[in-house]
């Protein structure tokens, strides 16, 4: 009787282990998805700021200083 109970107790963790592996896999995939989404959001903000800065700099007119010579 003891050997039967021991065999059943040994069999239970092995049957539950694949479920734990899937849970860990899904958590890892969820974390990877969150990181990817954050990366895309940051990239879009930085890209927009670069475009806005470039447009702003394009419209700035340079003012000539008093020591500036035309023939240089």
PDB file of N, CA and C in Angstrom:
ATOM      1  N   UNK A   1       0.819  -1.189   0.000  1.00  0.00           N
ATOM      2  CA  UNK A   1       0.000   0.000   0.000  1.00  0.00           C
ATOM      3  C   UNK A   1       0.862   1.252   0.000  1.00  0.00           C
ATOM      4  N   UNK A   2       1.946   1.274   0.772  1.00  0.00           N
ATOM      5  CA  UNK A   2       2.830   2.430   0.831  1.00  0.00           C
ATOM      6  C   UNK A   2       3.524   2.666  -0.501  1.00  0.00           C
ATOM      7  N   UNK A   3       3.904   1.594  -1.156  1.00  0.00           N
ATOM      8  CA  UNK A   3       4.582   1.760  -2.443  1.00  0.00           C
ATOM      9  C   UNK A   3       3.640   2.364  -3.483  1.00  0.00           C
ATOM     10  N   UNK A   4       2.368   2.018  -3.443  1.00  0.00           N
ATOM     11  CA  UNK A   4       1.385   2.573  -4.359  1.00  0.00           C
ATOM     12  C   UNK A   4       1.199   4.067  -4.101  1.00  0.00           C
ATOM     13  N   UNK A   5       1.094   4.470  -2.838  1.00  0.00           N
ATOM     14  CA  UNK A   5       0.947   5.894  -2.494  1.00  0.00           C
ATOM     15  C   UNK A   5       2.191   6.678  -2.902  1.00  0.00           C
ATOM     16  N   UNK A   6       3.339   6.077  -2.717  1.00  0.00           N
ATOM     17  CA  UNK A   6       4.591   6.744  -3.083  1.00  0.00           C
ATOM     18  C   UNK A   6       4.672   6.950  -4.597  1.00  0.00           C
ATOM     19  N   UNK A   7       4.251   5.960  -5.361  1.00  0.00           N
ATOM     20  CA  UNK A   7       4.255   6.082  -6.820  1.00  0.00           C
ATOM     21  C   UNK A   7       3.291   7.168  -7.283  1.00  0.00           C
ATOM     22  N   UNK A   8       2.125   7.259  -6.644  1.00  0.00           N
ATOM     23  CA  UNK A   8       1.151   8.272  -7.014  1.00  0.00           C
ATOM     24  C   UNK A   8       1.660   9.665  -6.653  1.00  0.00           C
ATOM     25  N   UNK A   9       2.317   9.800  -5.496  1.00  0.00           N
ATOM     26  CA  UNK A   9       2.825  11.108  -5.093  1.00  0.00           C
ATOM     27  C   UNK A   9       3.980  11.541  -6.000  1.00  0.00           C
ATOM     28  N   UNK A  10       4.761  10.590  -6.474  1.00  0.00           N
ATOM     29  CA  UNK A  10       5.850  10.919  -7.393  1.00  0.00           C
ATOM     30  C   UNK A  10       5.314  11.287  -8.781  1.00  0.00           C
ATOM     31  N   UNK A  11       4.184  10.715  -9.158  1.00  0.00           N
ATOM     32  CA  UNK A  11       3.628  10.962 -10.487  1.00  0.00           C
ATOM     33  C   UNK A  11       2.960  12.331 -10.566  1.00  0.00           C
ATOM     34  N   UNK A  12       2.419  12.842  -9.493  1.00  0.00           N
ATOM     35  CA  UNK A  12       1.694  14.112  -9.523  1.00  0.00           C
ATOM     36  C   UNK A  12       2.568  15.313  -9.903  1.00  0.00           C
ATOM     37  N   UNK A  13       3.744  15.493  -9.302  1.00  0.00           N
ATOM     38  CA  UNK A  13       4.541  16.665  -9.705  1.00  0.00           C
ATOM     39  C   UNK A  13       4.938  16.650 -11.174  1.00  0.00           C
ATOM     40  N   UNK A  14       5.195  15.497 -11.741  1.00  0.00           N
ATOM     41  CA  UNK A  14       5.592  15.447 -13.143  1.00  0.00           C
ATOM     42  C   UNK A  14       4.428  15.831 -14.062  1.00  0.00           C
ATOM     43  N   UNK A  15       3.188  15.505 -13.656  1.00  0.00           N
ATOM     44  CA  UNK A  15       2.051  15.880 -14.487  1.00  0.00           C
ATOM     45  C   UNK A  15       1.750  17.371 -14.352  1.00  0.00           C
ATOM     46  N   UNK A  16       2.097  17.975 -13.225  1.00  0.00           N
ATOM     47  CA  UNK A  16       1.838  19.398 -13.030  1.00  0.00           C
ATOM     48  C   UNK A  16       2.975  20.255 -13.609  1.00  0.00           C
ATOM     49  N   UNK A  17       4.130  19.696 -13.775  1.00  0.00           N
ATOM     50  CA  UNK A  17       5.294  20.453 -14.248  1.00  0.00           C
ATOM     51  C   UNK A  17       5.107  21.068 -15.632  1.00  0.00           C
ATOM     52  N   UNK A  18       4.524  20.378 -16.620  1.00  0.00           N
ATOM     53  CA  UNK A  18       4.311  21.031 -17.929  1.00  0.00           C
ATOM     54  C   UNK A  18       3.419  22.262 -17.829  1.00  0.00           C
ATOM     55  N   UNK A  19       2.410  22.244 -16.956  1.00  0.00           N
ATOM     56  CA  UNK A  19       1.548  23.411 -16.780  1.00  0.00           C
ATOM     57  C   UNK A  19       2.357  24.593 -16.241  1.00  0.00           C
ATOM     58  N   UNK A  20       3.257  24.300 -15.297  1.00  0.00           N
ATOM     59  CA  UNK A  20       4.106  25.356 -14.746  1.00  0.00           C
ATOM     60  C   UNK A  20       5.003  25.923 -15.844  1.00  0.00           C
ATOM     61  N   UNK A  21       5.520  25.060 -16.691  1.00  0.00           N
ATOM     62  CA  UNK A  21       6.366  25.524 -17.797  1.00  0.00           C
ATOM     63  C   UNK A  21       5.590  26.445 -18.724  1.00  0.00           C
ATOM     64  N   UNK A  22       4.332  26.079 -19.027  1.00  0.00           N
ATOM     65  CA  UNK A  22       3.515  26.929 -19.898  1.00  0.00           C
ATOM     66  C   UNK A  22       3.224  28.268 -19.227  1.00  0.00           C
ATOM     67  N   UNK A  23       2.955  28.240 -17.916  1.00  0.00           N
ATOM     68  CA  UNK A  23       2.703  29.495 -17.192  1.00  0.00           C
ATOM     69  C   UNK A  23       3.907  30.414 -17.265  1.00  0.00           C
ATOM     70  N   UNK A  24       5.094  29.852 -17.074  1.00  0.00           N
ATOM     71  CA  UNK A  24       6.324  30.648 -17.147  1.00  0.00           C
ATOM     72  C   UNK A  24       6.523  31.175 -18.559  1.00  0.00           C
ATOM     73  N   UNK A  25       6.247  30.328 -19.548  1.00  0.00           N
ATOM     74  CA  UNK A  25       6.391  30.749 -20.933  1.00  0.00           C
ATOM     75  C   UNK A  25       5.449  31.908 -21.253  1.00  0.00           C
ATOM     76  N   UNK A  26       4.194  31.805 -20.823  1.00  0.00           N
ATOM     77  CA  UNK A  26       3.235  32.878 -21.084  1.00  0.00           C
ATOM     78  C   UNK A  26       3.615  34.163 -20.358  1.00  0.00           C
ATOM     79  N   UNK A  27       4.137  34.042 -19.142  1.00  0.00           N
ATOM     80  CA  UNK A  27       4.585  35.235 -18.412  1.00  0.00           C
ATOM     81  C   UNK A  27       5.756  35.889 -19.139  1.00  0.00           C
ATOM     82  N   UNK A  28       6.685  35.076 -19.617  1.00  0.00           N
ATOM     83  CA  UNK A  28       7.826  35.616 -20.363  1.00  0.00           C
ATOM     84  C   UNK A  28       7.377  36.292 -21.653  1.00  0.00           C
ATOM     85  N   UNK A  29       6.438  35.665 -22.352  1.00  0.00           N
ATOM     86  CA  UNK A  29       5.935  36.256 -23.591  1.00  0.00           C
ATOM     87  C   UNK A  29       5.173  37.555 -23.315  1.00  0.00           C
ATOM     88  N   UNK A  30       4.449  37.579 -22.222  1.00  0.00           N
ATOM     89  CA  UNK A  30       3.731  38.789 -21.842  1.00  0.00           C
ATOM     90  C   UNK A  30       4.723  39.908 -21.528  1.00  0.00           C
ATOM     91  N   UNK A  31       5.781  39.574 -20.817  1.00  0.00           N
ATOM     92  CA  UNK A  31       6.812  40.561 -20.490  1.00  0.00           C
ATOM     93  C   UNK A  31       7.500  41.067 -21.762  1.00  0.00           C
ATOM     94  N   UNK A  32       7.803  40.159 -22.667  1.00  0.00           N
ATOM     95  CA  UNK A  32       8.427  40.547 -23.937  1.00  0.00           C
ATOM     96  C   UNK A  32       7.505  41.462 -24.735  1.00  0.00           C
ATOM     97  N   UNK A  33       6.215  41.151 -24.747  1.00  0.00           N
ATOM     98  CA  UNK A  33       5.246  42.005 -25.434  1.00  0.00           C
ATOM     99  C   UNK A  33       5.191  43.395 -24.815  1.00  0.00           C
ATOM    100  N   UNK A  34       5.227  43.476 -23.494  1.00  0.00           N
ATOM    101  CA  UNK A  34       5.207  44.774 -22.814  1.00  0.00           C
ATOM    102  C   UNK A  34       6.454  45.587 -23.158  1.00  0.00           C
ATOM    103  N   UNK A  35       7.599  44.926 -23.157  1.00  0.00           N
ATOM    104  CA  UNK A  35       8.839  45.622 -23.508  1.00  0.00           C
ATOM    105  C   UNK A  35       8.809  46.114 -24.951  1.00  0.00           C
ATOM    106  N   UNK A  36       8.310  45.290 -25.847  1.00  0.00           N
ATOM    107  CA  UNK A  36       8.240  45.678 -27.257  1.00  0.00           C
ATOM    108  C   UNK A  36       7.309  46.871 -27.448  1.00  0.00           C
ATOM    109  N   UNK A  37       6.177  46.863 -26.772  1.00  0.00           N
ATOM    110  CA  UNK A  37       5.232  47.966 -26.868  1.00  0.00           C
ATOM    111  C   UNK A  37       5.850  49.251 -26.317  1.00  0.00           C
ATOM    112  N   UNK A  38       6.538  49.149 -25.196  1.00  0.00           N
ATOM    113  CA  UNK A  38       7.202  50.323 -24.616  1.00  0.00           C
ATOM    114  C   UNK A  38       8.276  50.852 -25.564  1.00  0.00           C
ATOM    115  N   UNK A  39       9.020  49.954 -26.191  1.00  0.00           N
ATOM    116  CA  UNK A  39      10.061  50.361 -27.135  1.00  0.00           C
ATOM    117  C   UNK A  39       9.456  51.124 -28.307  1.00  0.00           C
ATOM    118  N   UNK A  40       8.345  50.616 -28.845  1.00  0.00           N
ATOM    119  CA  UNK A  40       7.694  51.280 -29.978  1.00  0.00           C
ATOM    120  C   UNK A  40       7.180  52.657 -29.569  1.00  0.00           C
ATOM    121  N   UNK A  41       6.591  52.756 -28.379  1.00  0.00           N
ATOM    122  CA  UNK A  41       6.072  54.047 -27.911  1.00  0.00           C
ATOM    123  C   UNK A  41       7.190  55.071 -27.762  1.00  0.00           C
ATOM    124  N   UNK A  42       8.278  54.683 -27.142  1.00  0.00           N
ATOM    125  CA  UNK A  42       9.412  55.599 -26.957  1.00  0.00           C
ATOM    126  C   UNK A  42       9.997  55.987 -28.303  1.00  0.00           C
ATOM    127  N   UNK A  43      10.142  55.031 -29.204  1.00  0.00           N
ATOM    128  CA  UNK A  43      10.708  55.300 -30.529  1.00  0.00           C
ATOM    129  C   UNK A  43       9.844  56.313 -31.280  1.00  0.00           C
ATOM    130  N   UNK A  44       8.511  56.166 -31.194  1.00  0.00           N
ATOM    131  CA  UNK A  44       7.620  57.098 -31.889  1.00  0.00           C
ATOM    132  C   UNK A  44       7.725  58.505 -31.322  1.00  0.00           C
ATOM    133  N   UNK A  45       7.822  58.622 -29.998  1.00  0.00           N
ATOM    134  CA  UNK A  45       7.948  59.941 -29.371  1.00  0.00           C
ATOM    135  C   UNK A  45       9.259  60.595 -29.783  1.00  0.00           C
ATOM    136  N   UNK A  46      10.338  59.840 -29.744  1.00  0.00           N
ATOM    137  CA  UNK A  46      11.640  60.407 -30.126  1.00  0.00           C
ATOM    138  C   UNK A  46      11.658  60.796 -31.598  1.00  0.00           C
ATOM    139  N   UNK A  47      11.047  59.986 -32.436  1.00  0.00           N
ATOM    140  CA  UNK A  47      10.999  60.300 -33.869  1.00  0.00           C
ATOM    141  C   UNK A  47      10.202  61.578 -34.105  1.00  0.00           C
ATOM    142  N   UNK A  48       9.073  61.731 -33.414  1.00  0.00           N
ATOM    143  CA  UNK A  48       8.258  62.934 -33.553  1.00  0.00           C
ATOM    144  C   UNK A  48       9.024  64.169 -33.079  1.00  0.00           C
ATOM    145  N   UNK A  49       9.719  64.041 -31.953  1.00  0.00           N
ATOM    146  CA  UNK A  49      10.500  65.183 -31.445  1.00  0.00           C
ATOM    147  C   UNK A  49      11.608  65.583 -32.419  1.00  0.00           C
ATOM    148  N   UNK A  50      12.242  64.575 -33.018  1.00  0.00           N
ATOM    149  CA  UNK A  50      13.285  64.884 -34.009  1.00  0.00           C
ATOM    150  C   UNK A  50      12.713  65.623 -35.205  1.00  0.00           C
ATOM    151  N   UNK A  51      11.551  65.180 -35.678  1.00  0.00           N
ATOM    152  CA  UNK A  51      10.905  65.848 -36.824  1.00  0.00           C
ATOM    153  C   UNK A  51      10.509  67.273 -36.466  1.00  0.00           C
ATOM    154  N   UNK A  52       9.937  67.459 -35.265  1.00  0.00           N
ATOM    155  CA  UNK A  52       9.539  68.808 -34.843  1.00  0.00           C
ATOM    156  C   UNK A  52      10.753  69.714 -34.720  1.00  0.00           C
ATOM    157  N   UNK A  53      11.839  69.194 -34.174  1.00  0.00           N
ATOM    158  CA  UNK A  53      13.062  69.996 -34.023  1.00  0.00           C
ATOM    159  C   UNK A  53      13.636  70.363 -35.389  1.00  0.00           C
ATOM    160  N   UNK A  54      13.651  69.409 -36.300  1.00  0.00           N
ATOM    161  CA  UNK A  54      14.175  69.681 -37.640  1.00  0.00           C
ATOM    162  C   UNK A  54      13.337  70.739 -38.341  1.00  0.00           C
ATOM    163  N   UNK A  55      12.009  70.657 -38.186  1.00  0.00           N
ATOM    164  CA  UNK A  55      11.128  71.651 -38.813  1.00  0.00           C
ATOM    165  C   UNK A  55      11.343  73.028 -38.185  1.00  0.00           C
ATOM    166  N   UNK A  56      11.513  73.060 -36.873  1.00  0.00           N
ATOM    167  CA  UNK A  56      11.760  74.323 -36.193  1.00  0.00           C
ATOM    168  C   UNK A  56      13.080  74.946 -36.634  1.00  0.00           C
ATOM    169  N   UNK A  57      14.115  74.134 -36.731  1.00  0.00           N
ATOM    170  CA  UNK A  57      15.423  74.645 -37.146  1.00  0.00           C
ATOM    171  C   UNK A  57      15.412  75.100 -38.608  1.00  0.00           C
ATOM    172  N   UNK A  58      14.598  74.481 -39.413  1.00  0.00           N
ATOM    173  CA  UNK A  58      14.511  74.850 -40.817  1.00  0.00           C
ATOM    174  C   UNK A  58      13.930  76.259 -40.975  1.00  0.00           C
ATOM    175  N   UNK A  59      13.039  76.645 -40.078  1.00  0.00           N
ATOM    176  CA  UNK A  59      12.387  77.947 -40.178  1.00  0.00           C
ATOM    177  C   UNK A  59      13.128  79.064 -39.446  1.00  0.00           C
ATOM    178  N   UNK A  60      14.166  78.706 -38.705  1.00  0.00           N
ATOM    179  CA  UNK A  60      14.930  79.740 -37.993  1.00  0.00           C
ATOM    180  C   UNK A  60      15.834  80.451 -39.002  1.00  0.00           C
ATOM    181  N   UNK A  61      15.802  81.781 -38.976  1.00  0.00           N
ATOM    182  CA  UNK A  61      16.688  82.551 -39.840  1.00  0.00           C
ATOM    183  C   UNK A  61      17.895  82.981 -39.022  1.00  0.00           C
ATOM    184  N   UNK A  62      19.043  82.754 -39.569  1.00  0.00           N
ATOM    185  CA  UNK A  62      20.254  83.131 -38.854  1.00  0.00           C
ATOM    186  C   UNK A  62      20.444  84.635 -38.903  1.00  0.00           C
ATOM    187  N   UNK A  63      20.817  85.190 -37.764  1.00  0.00           N
ATOM    188  CA  UNK A  63      21.064  86.625 -37.674  1.00  0.00           C
ATOM    189  C   UNK A  63      22.570  86.825 -37.749  1.00  0.00           C
ATOM    190  N   UNK A  64      22.986  87.738 -38.622  1.00  0.00           N
ATOM    191  CA  UNK A  64      24.407  88.008 -38.787  1.00  0.00           C
ATOM    192  C   UNK A  64      24.895  88.893 -37.641  1.00  0.00           C
ATOM    193  N   UNK A  65      26.003  88.509 -37.055  1.00  0.00           N
ATOM    194  CA  UNK A  65      26.590  89.298 -35.971  1.00  0.00           C
ATOM    195  C   UNK A  65      27.310  90.513 -36.527  1.00  0.00           C
ATOM    196  N   UNK A  66      27.679  91.490 -35.662  1.00  0.00           N
ATOM    197  CA  UNK A  66      28.344  92.712 -36.108  1.00  0.00           C
ATOM    198  C   UNK A  66      29.753  92.457 -36.654  1.00  0.00           C
ATOM    199  N   UNK A  67      30.406  91.389 -36.274  1.00  0.00           N
ATOM    200  CA  UNK A  67      31.769  91.096 -36.731  1.00  0.00           C
ATOM    201  C   UNK A  67      31.808  90.207 -37.968  1.00  0.00           C
ATOM    202  N   UNK A  68      30.667  89.901 -38.530  1.00  0.00           N
ATOM    203  CA  UNK A  68      30.607  89.025 -39.687  1.00  0.00           C
ATOM    204  C   UNK A  68      30.969  89.798 -40.963  1.00  0.00           C
ATOM    205  N   UNK A  69      31.886  89.204 -41.734  1.00  0.00           N
ATOM    206  CA  UNK A  69      32.270  89.819 -43.013  1.00  0.00           C
ATOM    207  C   UNK A  69      31.718  88.975 -44.156  1.00  0.00           C
ATOM    208  N   UNK A  70      31.247  89.625 -45.165  1.00  0.00           N
ATOM    209  CA  UNK A  70      30.626  88.958 -46.309  1.00  0.00           C
ATOM    210  C   UNK A  70      31.617  88.163 -47.145  1.00  0.00           C
ATOM    211  N   UNK A  71      32.889  88.597 -47.198  1.00  0.00           N
ATOM    212  CA  UNK A  71      33.845  87.980 -48.116  1.00  0.00           C
ATOM    213  C   UNK A  71      34.516  86.729 -47.521  1.00  0.00           C
ATOM    214  N   UNK A  72      34.138  86.261 -46.397  1.00  0.00           N
ATOM    215  CA  UNK A  72      34.743  85.056 -45.820  1.00  0.00           C
ATOM    216  C   UNK A  72      34.167  83.793 -46.365  1.00  0.00           C
TER     217      UNK A  72
END
